[in-house]
Amino acid sequence: MSDAPLDLSALPDDELVQQMHDDLYDGLADEVALGTQLLLDRGWSAQRVLGEALVEGMRIVGVDFRDGILFVPEVLLAANSMKAGMALLRPLLALTGAPRVGKVVLGTVKGDIHDIGKNLVAMMLEGAGFEVVDLGINIDVQAYIDALSEHQPDILGMSALLTTTMPYMKVVIDELTARGLREHYIVLVGGAPLNEEFSRAIGADAYCRDAAVAAETAQELMEARRELARAG
């Protein structure tokens, strides 16, 4: 029995993709980048590599994170591995104009400087094929409005970890409503002190209890919006 490292270049496409899922799950950034390059060299499109190797790999990570099998440190390693592959794909995707699942503007609300949860959400959303504009922390209502105007996203995501900053989410949503903009965006909220009841009370579209649920919910609501547009 040999302990020699696995030669990724010797694997056929289907086995290489499966190995990339495993390497992404294990947080092996160099191996994920190598697998990405090998598939590109074999004639795979950047969009196909993204969907079948990276996004599917992160979907598996997300399911196990949601189910309590993986924890934050493992998910951060997996997301970092995906970034290594995305560094190779992003310029190619830009050249081809390949469609993304959607675009999200994300930020932690005014008065709150917690960002680990938000950062996880951003990584999981990117892993699900979304383009993410991360505004950072301590974001006031005007900064949200300006970002929505500049980036024209499908989704606005707001995060809060303090009970004292939770109400600011309603300030933002009320301002969107006052300006006649609320119906233009899917609004997702999350953070430790929040719950479904609070989400409904402030007029958000959904409460996301963790990053994996945020990615799943974003995909579901985007698909529902597309179905509505097709029906209309």
C-alpha atoms as a PDB file:
ATOM      1  CA  MET A   1       0.000   0.000   0.000  1.00  0.00           C
ATOM      2  CA  SER A   2       1.493   3.303  -1.153  1.00  0.00           C
ATOM      3  CA  ASP A   3       1.269   6.634   0.648  1.00  0.00           C
ATOM      4  CA  ALA A   4       2.137   8.499  -2.563  1.00  0.00           C
ATOM      5  CA  PRO A   5      -0.070  11.566  -3.167  1.00  0.00           C
ATOM      6  CA  LEU A   6      -2.992  11.105  -5.530  1.00  0.00           C
ATOM      7  CA  ASP A   7      -2.206  12.130  -9.105  1.00  0.00           C
ATOM      8  CA  LEU A   8      -5.236  14.237 -10.023  1.00  0.00           C
ATOM      9  CA  SER A   9      -4.145  14.428 -13.661  1.00  0.00           C
ATOM     10  CA  ALA A  10      -4.488  10.642 -13.967  1.00  0.00           C
ATOM     11  CA  LEU A  11      -8.175  10.651 -13.008  1.00  0.00           C
ATOM     12  CA  PRO A  12     -10.940  10.611 -15.640  1.00  0.00           C
ATOM     13  CA  ASP A  13     -13.288  13.579 -15.580  1.00  0.00           C
ATOM     14  CA  ASP A  14     -16.026  12.069 -13.409  1.00  0.00           C
ATOM     15  CA  GLU A  15     -13.565  10.806 -10.800  1.00  0.00           C
ATOM     16  CA  LEU A  16     -11.700  14.120 -10.831  1.00  0.00           C
ATOM     17  CA  VAL A  17     -14.920  16.030 -10.141  1.00  0.00           C
ATOM     18  CA  GLN A  18     -15.740  13.666  -7.267  1.00  0.00           C
ATOM     19  CA  GLN A  19     -12.240  14.104  -5.881  1.00  0.00           C
ATOM     20  CA  MET A  20     -12.644  17.886  -6.104  1.00  0.00           C
ATOM     21  CA  HIS A  21     -15.818  17.621  -4.031  1.00  0.00           C
ATOM     22  CA  ASP A  22     -13.842  15.675  -1.428  1.00  0.00           C
ATOM     23  CA  ASP A  23     -10.907  18.103  -1.529  1.00  0.00           C
ATOM     24  CA  LEU A  24     -13.208  21.097  -1.204  1.00  0.00           C
ATOM     25  CA  TYR A  25     -14.959  19.432   1.728  1.00  0.00           C
ATOM     26  CA  ASP A  26     -11.554  18.870   3.355  1.00  0.00           C
ATOM     27  CA  GLY A  27     -10.421  22.447   2.711  1.00  0.00           C
ATOM     28  CA  LEU A  28      -7.563  21.562   0.354  1.00  0.00           C
ATOM     29  CA  ALA A  29      -7.216  24.786  -1.616  1.00  0.00           C
ATOM     30  CA  ASP A  30      -4.179  23.799  -3.724  1.00  0.00           C
ATOM     31  CA  GLU A  31      -5.845  20.582  -4.855  1.00  0.00           C
ATOM     32  CA  VAL A  32      -9.093  22.366  -5.738  1.00  0.00           C
ATOM     33  CA  ALA A  33      -7.176  24.923  -7.804  1.00  0.00           C
ATOM     34  CA  LEU A  34      -5.264  22.150  -9.579  1.00  0.00           C
ATOM     35  CA  GLY A  35      -8.455  20.232 -10.319  1.00  0.00           C
ATOM     36  CA  THR A  36     -10.066  23.402 -11.674  1.00  0.00           C
ATOM     37  CA  GLN A  37      -7.139  23.992 -14.021  1.00  0.00           C
ATOM     38  CA  LEU A  38      -7.097  20.361 -15.168  1.00  0.00           C
ATOM     39  CA  LEU A  39     -10.777  20.485 -16.120  1.00  0.00           C
ATOM     40  CA  LEU A  40     -10.258  23.754 -18.001  1.00  0.00           C
ATOM     41  CA  ASP A  41      -7.293  22.211 -19.810  1.00  0.00           C
ATOM     42  CA  ARG A  42      -9.503  19.292 -20.818  1.00  0.00           C
ATOM     43  CA  GLY A  43     -11.907  21.657 -22.533  1.00  0.00           C
ATOM     44  CA  TRP A  44     -14.505  22.161 -19.846  1.00  0.00           C
ATOM     45  CA  SER A  45     -16.159  25.570 -19.905  1.00  0.00           C
ATOM     46  CA  ALA A  46     -15.691  27.794 -16.872  1.00  0.00           C
ATOM     47  CA  GLN A  47     -19.446  27.656 -16.280  1.00  0.00           C
ATOM     48  CA  ARG A  48     -19.429  23.846 -16.244  1.00  0.00           C
ATOM     49  CA  VAL A  49     -16.478  23.667 -13.849  1.00  0.00           C
ATOM     50  CA  LEU A  50     -18.210  26.181 -11.578  1.00  0.00           C
ATOM     51  CA  GLY A  51     -21.494  24.290 -11.530  1.00  0.00           C
ATOM     52  CA  GLU A  52     -20.439  20.659 -11.453  1.00  0.00           C
ATOM     53  CA  ALA A  53     -17.235  20.866  -9.416  1.00  0.00           C
ATOM     54  CA  LEU A  54     -17.314  23.945  -7.171  1.00  0.00           C
ATOM     55  CA  VAL A  55     -20.976  24.813  -6.619  1.00  0.00           C
ATOM     56  CA  GLU A  56     -21.946  21.165  -6.170  1.00  0.00           C
ATOM     57  CA  GLY A  57     -19.049  20.686  -3.775  1.00  0.00           C
ATOM     58  CA  MET A  58     -20.143  23.673  -1.688  1.00  0.00           C
ATOM     59  CA  ARG A  59     -23.735  22.424  -1.754  1.00  0.00           C
ATOM     60  CA  ILE A  60     -22.556  19.235  -0.024  1.00  0.00           C
ATOM     61  CA  VAL A  61     -20.643  21.340   2.521  1.00  0.00           C
ATOM     62  CA  GLY A  62     -23.743  23.460   3.090  1.00  0.00           C
ATOM     63  CA  VAL A  63     -25.977  20.454   3.741  1.00  0.00           C
ATOM     64  CA  ASP A  64     -23.562  19.051   6.331  1.00  0.00           C
ATOM     65  CA  PHE A  65     -23.167  22.478   7.946  1.00  0.00           C
ATOM     66  CA  ARG A  66     -26.940  22.839   8.184  1.00  0.00           C
ATOM     67  CA  ASP A  67     -27.217  19.350   9.700  1.00  0.00           C
ATOM     68  CA  GLY A  68     -24.505  19.984  12.310  1.00  0.00           C
ATOM     69  CA  ILE A  69     -21.923  17.617  10.794  1.00  0.00           C
ATOM     70  CA  LEU A  70     -19.564  20.434   9.851  1.00  0.00           C
ATOM     71  CA  PHE A  71     -18.859  23.556  11.903  1.00  0.00           C
ATOM     72  CA  VAL A  72     -17.754  27.120  11.161  1.00  0.00           C
ATOM     73  CA  PRO A  73     -13.972  26.432  10.950  1.00  0.00           C
ATOM     74  CA  GLU A  74     -14.481  23.611   8.446  1.00  0.00           C
ATOM     75  CA  VAL A  75     -16.850  25.695   6.349  1.00  0.00           C
ATOM     76  CA  LEU A  76     -14.366  28.583   6.287  1.00  0.00           C
ATOM     77  CA  LEU A  77     -11.669  26.201   5.021  1.00  0.00           C
ATOM     78  CA  ALA A  78     -14.010  24.825   2.368  1.00  0.00           C
ATOM     79  CA  ALA A  79     -14.979  28.339   1.268  1.00  0.00           C
ATOM     80  CA  ASN A  80     -11.322  29.312   1.068  1.00  0.00           C
ATOM     81  CA  SER A  81     -10.719  26.281  -1.154  1.00  0.00           C
ATOM     82  CA  MET A  82     -13.567  27.328  -3.420  1.00  0.00           C
ATOM     83  CA  LYS A  83     -12.009  30.784  -3.689  1.00  0.00           C
ATOM     84  CA  ALA A  84      -8.835  29.160  -5.021  1.00  0.00           C
ATOM     85  CA  GLY A  85     -10.846  27.631  -7.838  1.00  0.00           C
ATOM     86  CA  MET A  86     -12.889  30.793  -8.381  1.00  0.00           C
ATOM     87  CA  ALA A  87      -9.688  32.828  -8.821  1.00  0.00           C
ATOM     88  CA  LEU A  88      -9.103  30.829 -12.011  1.00  0.00           C
ATOM     89  CA  LEU A  89     -12.705  30.872 -13.182  1.00  0.00           C
ATOM     90  CA  ARG A  90     -13.747  34.445 -12.475  1.00  0.00           C
ATOM     91  CA  PRO A  91     -11.872  36.099 -15.383  1.00  0.00           C
ATOM     92  CA  LEU A  92     -13.125  33.410 -17.766  1.00  0.00           C
ATOM     93  CA  LEU A  93     -16.700  33.802 -16.590  1.00  0.00           C
ATOM     94  CA  ALA A  94     -16.423  37.562 -17.089  1.00  0.00           C
ATOM     95  CA  LEU A  95     -15.190  37.056 -20.660  1.00  0.00           C
ATOM     96  CA  THR A  96     -18.065  34.759 -21.586  1.00  0.00           C
ATOM     97  CA  GLY A  97     -20.698  36.806 -19.789  1.00  0.00           C
ATOM     98  CA  ALA A  98     -21.915  33.602 -18.148  1.00  0.00           C
ATOM     99  CA  PRO A  99     -25.089  34.167 -16.147  1.00  0.00           C
ATOM    100  CA  ARG A 100     -24.948  33.936 -12.370  1.00  0.00           C
ATOM    101  CA  VAL A 101     -27.815  32.669 -10.236  1.00  0.00           C
ATOM    102  CA  GLY A 102     -28.388  36.230  -9.060  1.00  0.00           C
ATOM    103  CA  LYS A 103     -26.776  39.170  -7.311  1.00  0.00           C
ATOM    104  CA  VAL A 104     -26.813  39.896  -3.575  1.00  0.00           C
ATOM    105  CA  VAL A 105     -25.931  43.037  -1.611  1.00  0.00           C
ATOM    106  CA  LEU A 106     -25.030  42.061   1.939  1.00  0.00           C
ATOM    107  CA  GLY A 107     -24.117  43.965   5.093  1.00  0.00           C
ATOM    108  CA  THR A 108     -24.222  44.032   8.890  1.00  0.00           C
ATOM    109  CA  VAL A 109     -26.548  46.809  10.071  1.00  0.00           C
ATOM    110  CA  LYS A 110     -25.637  50.137  11.689  1.00  0.00           C
ATOM    111  CA  GLY A 111     -24.302  49.847  15.221  1.00  0.00           C
ATOM    112  CA  ASP A 112     -23.185  46.233  14.786  1.00  0.00           C
ATOM    113  CA  ILE A 113     -19.601  45.232  14.011  1.00  0.00           C
ATOM    114  CA  HIS A 114     -20.012  41.446  13.973  1.00  0.00           C
ATOM    115  CA  ASP A 115     -19.132  39.881  10.662  1.00  0.00           C
ATOM    116  CA  ILE A 116     -18.253  36.176  10.987  1.00  0.00           C
ATOM    117  CA  GLY A 117     -21.813  35.069  10.271  1.00  0.00           C
ATOM    118  CA  LYS A 118     -22.161  37.552   7.425  1.00  0.00           C
ATOM    119  CA  ASN A 119     -18.862  36.421   5.930  1.00  0.00           C
ATOM    120  CA  LEU A 120     -20.025  32.810   6.027  1.00  0.00           C
ATOM    121  CA  VAL A 121     -23.249  33.788   4.291  1.00  0.00           C
ATOM    122  CA  ALA A 122     -21.276  35.612   1.585  1.00  0.00           C
ATOM    123  CA  MET A 123     -19.095  32.545   1.014  1.00  0.00           C
ATOM    124  CA  MET A 124     -22.039  30.152   0.881  1.00  0.00           C
ATOM    125  CA  LEU A 125     -23.922  32.417  -1.521  1.00  0.00           C
ATOM    126  CA  GLU A 126     -20.901  32.663  -3.800  1.00  0.00           C
ATOM    127  CA  GLY A 127     -20.569  28.905  -3.519  1.00  0.00           C
ATOM    128  CA  ALA A 128     -24.169  28.600  -4.705  1.00  0.00           C
ATOM    129  CA  GLY A 129     -23.381  30.680  -7.806  1.00  0.00           C
ATOM    130  CA  PHE A 130     -24.439  34.151  -6.679  1.00  0.00           C
ATOM    131  CA  GLU A 131     -22.498  37.340  -7.279  1.00  0.00           C
ATOM    132  CA  VAL A 132     -22.028  38.909  -3.841  1.00  0.00           C
ATOM    133  CA  VAL A 133     -21.379  42.550  -2.981  1.00  0.00           C
ATOM    134  CA  ASP A 134     -20.325  42.596   0.674  1.00  0.00           C
ATOM    135  CA  LEU A 135     -20.704  46.083   2.163  1.00  0.00           C
ATOM    136  CA  GLY A 136     -19.091  45.105   5.464  1.00  0.00           C
ATOM    137  CA  ILE A 137     -20.213  46.134   8.957  1.00  0.00           C
ATOM    138  CA  ASN A 138     -22.013  49.076  10.584  1.00  0.00           C
ATOM    139  CA  ILE A 139     -23.974  49.896   7.423  1.00  0.00           C
ATOM    140  CA  ASP A 140     -26.521  52.706   7.665  1.00  0.00           C
ATOM    141  CA  VAL A 141     -29.713  53.034   5.669  1.00  0.00           C
ATOM    142  CA  GLN A 142     -28.296  55.458   3.104  1.00  0.00           C
ATOM    143  CA  ALA A 143     -25.341  53.169   2.403  1.00  0.00           C
ATOM    144  CA  TYR A 144     -27.756  50.303   1.733  1.00  0.00           C
ATOM    145  CA  ILE A 145     -29.873  52.493  -0.559  1.00  0.00           C
ATOM    146  CA  ASP A 146     -26.798  53.710  -2.431  1.00  0.00           C
ATOM    147  CA  ALA A 147     -25.497  50.151  -2.881  1.00  0.00           C
ATOM    148  CA  LEU A 148     -28.857  48.950  -4.191  1.00  0.00           C
ATOM    149  CA  SER A 149     -28.905  51.803  -6.686  1.00  0.00           C
ATOM    150  CA  GLU A 150     -25.319  51.164  -7.802  1.00  0.00           C
ATOM    151  CA  HIS A 151     -25.332  47.359  -8.007  1.00  0.00           C
ATOM    152  CA  GLN A 152     -28.976  46.613  -8.872  1.00  0.00           C
ATOM    153  CA  PRO A 153     -29.070  43.282  -7.012  1.00  0.00           C
ATOM    154  CA  ASP A 154     -31.894  40.777  -6.779  1.00  0.00           C
ATOM    155  CA  ILE A 155     -31.454  40.291  -3.036  1.00  0.00           C
ATOM    156  CA  LEU A 156     -30.656  42.479  -0.031  1.00  0.00           C
ATOM    157  CA  GLY A 157     -29.233  40.602   2.950  1.00  0.00           C
ATOM    158  CA  MET A 158     -28.935  42.162   6.405  1.00  0.00           C
ATOM    159  CA  SER A 159     -27.234  40.707   9.463  1.00  0.00           C
ATOM    160  CA  ALA A 160     -27.324  41.625  13.175  1.00  0.00           C
ATOM    161  CA  LEU A 161     -25.915  39.882  16.230  1.00  0.00           C
ATOM    162  CA  LEU A 162     -27.130  42.300  18.897  1.00  0.00           C
ATOM    163  CA  THR A 163     -30.694  42.705  20.152  1.00  0.00           C
ATOM    164  CA  THR A 164     -30.045  46.451  20.189  1.00  0.00           C
ATOM    165  CA  THR A 165     -29.236  46.560  16.452  1.00  0.00           C
ATOM    166  CA  MET A 166     -31.989  44.203  15.239  1.00  0.00           C
ATOM    167  CA  PRO A 167     -34.586  47.004  14.957  1.00  0.00           C
ATOM    168  CA  TYR A 168     -32.394  48.844  12.441  1.00  0.00           C
ATOM    169  CA  MET A 169     -33.370  46.238   9.870  1.00  0.00           C
ATOM    170  CA  LYS A 170     -36.905  47.644   9.998  1.00  0.00           C
ATOM    171  CA  VAL A 171     -35.506  51.147   9.497  1.00  0.00           C
ATOM    172  CA  VAL A 172     -33.953  49.985   6.215  1.00  0.00           C
ATOM    173  CA  ILE A 173     -37.048  48.103   5.043  1.00  0.00           C
ATOM    174  CA  ASP A 174     -39.321  51.026   5.942  1.00  0.00           C
ATOM    175  CA  GLU A 175     -37.097  53.364   3.943  1.00  0.00           C
ATOM    176  CA  LEU A 176     -37.253  51.040   0.938  1.00  0.00           C
ATOM    177  CA  THR A 177     -41.040  51.045   1.247  1.00  0.00           C
ATOM    178  CA  ALA A 178     -41.182  54.838   1.575  1.00  0.00           C
ATOM    179  CA  ARG A 179     -39.156  55.210  -1.625  1.00  0.00           C
ATOM    180  CA  GLY A 180     -41.310  52.708  -3.520  1.00  0.00           C
ATOM    181  CA  LEU A 181     -38.387  50.271  -3.834  1.00  0.00           C
ATOM    182  CA  ARG A 182     -39.377  47.453  -1.497  1.00  0.00           C
ATOM    183  CA  GLU A 183     -40.949  45.224  -4.161  1.00  0.00           C
ATOM    184  CA  HIS A 184     -37.806  45.383  -6.310  1.00  0.00           C
ATOM    185  CA  TYR A 185     -35.747  43.271  -3.901  1.00  0.00           C
ATOM    186  CA  ILE A 186     -35.907  40.018  -2.000  1.00  0.00           C
ATOM    187  CA  VAL A 187     -34.949  40.901   1.588  1.00  0.00           C
ATOM    188  CA  LEU A 188     -33.272  38.235   3.721  1.00  0.00           C
ATOM    189  CA  VAL A 189     -32.332  38.758   7.369  1.00  0.00           C
ATOM    190  CA  GLY A 190     -30.273  36.713   9.787  1.00  0.00           C
ATOM    191  CA  GLY A 191     -28.313  36.692  13.024  1.00  0.00           C
ATOM    192  CA  ALA A 192     -28.348  34.899  16.363  1.00  0.00           C
ATOM    193  CA  PRO A 193     -31.099  36.909  18.139  1.00  0.00           C
ATOM    194  CA  LEU A 194     -33.539  36.894  15.201  1.00  0.00           C
ATOM    195  CA  ASN A 195     -36.399  34.502  14.495  1.00  0.00           C
ATOM    196  CA  GLU A 196     -39.204  33.933  11.988  1.00  0.00           C
ATOM    197  CA  GLU A 197     -41.653  36.063  13.952  1.00  0.00           C
ATOM    198  CA  PHE A 198     -39.303  39.053  13.975  1.00  0.00           C
ATOM    199  CA  SER A 199     -38.622  38.627  10.258  1.00  0.00           C
ATOM    200  CA  ARG A 200     -42.330  38.738   9.466  1.00  0.00           C
ATOM    201  CA  ALA A 201     -42.912  41.688  11.797  1.00  0.00           C
ATOM    202  CA  ILE A 202     -40.359  43.896  10.047  1.00  0.00           C
ATOM    203  CA  GLY A 203     -41.503  42.936   6.548  1.00  0.00           C
ATOM    204  CA  ALA A 204     -38.572  40.803   5.388  1.00  0.00           C
ATOM    205  CA  ASP A 205     -39.113  38.002   2.883  1.00  0.00           C
ATOM    206  CA  ALA A 206     -37.342  35.362   4.973  1.00  0.00           C
ATOM    207  CA  TYR A 207     -35.316  34.678   8.100  1.00  0.00           C
ATOM    208  CA  CYS A 208     -32.194  32.549   7.583  1.00  0.00           C
ATOM    209  CA  ARG A 209     -30.920  30.801  10.713  1.00  0.00           C
ATOM    210  CA  ASP A 210     -27.488  30.049   9.251  1.00  0.00           C
ATOM    211  CA  ALA A 211     -25.364  30.448   6.131  1.00  0.00           C
ATOM    212  CA  ALA A 212     -26.444  27.175   4.530  1.00  0.00           C
ATOM    213  CA  VAL A 213     -30.118  28.051   4.956  1.00  0.00           C
ATOM    214  CA  ALA A 214     -29.412  31.521   3.538  1.00  0.00           C
ATOM    215  CA  ALA A 215     -27.980  30.009   0.351  1.00  0.00           C
ATOM    216  CA  GLU A 216     -30.877  27.567  -0.010  1.00  0.00           C
ATOM    217  CA  THR A 217     -33.482  30.255   0.683  1.00  0.00           C
ATOM    218  CA  ALA A 218     -31.880  32.670  -1.785  1.00  0.00           C
ATOM    219  CA  GLN A 219     -31.966  30.017  -4.512  1.00  0.00           C
ATOM    220  CA  GLU A 220     -35.586  29.092  -3.765  1.00  0.00           C
ATOM    221  CA  LEU A 221     -36.802  32.696  -3.754  1.00  0.00           C
ATOM    222  CA  MET A 222     -34.894  33.513  -6.947  1.00  0.00           C
ATOM    223  CA  GLU A 223     -36.502  30.519  -8.681  1.00  0.00           C
ATOM    224  CA  ALA A 224     -39.936  31.558  -7.406  1.00  0.00           C
ATOM    225  CA  ARG A 225     -39.364  35.064  -8.758  1.00  0.00           C
ATOM    226  CA  ARG A 226     -38.341  33.656 -12.156  1.00  0.00           C
ATOM    227  CA  GLU A 227     -41.453  31.433 -12.244  1.00  0.00           C
ATOM    228  CA  LEU A 228     -43.584  34.474 -11.487  1.00  0.00           C
ATOM    229  CA  ALA A 229     -41.885  36.442 -14.264  1.00  0.00           C
ATOM    230  CA  ARG A 230     -42.425  33.595 -16.732  1.00  0.00           C
ATOM    231  CA  ALA A 231     -46.073  33.281 -15.744  1.00  0.00           C
ATOM    232  CA  GLY A 232     -46.540  37.036 -16.081  1.00  0.00           C
END
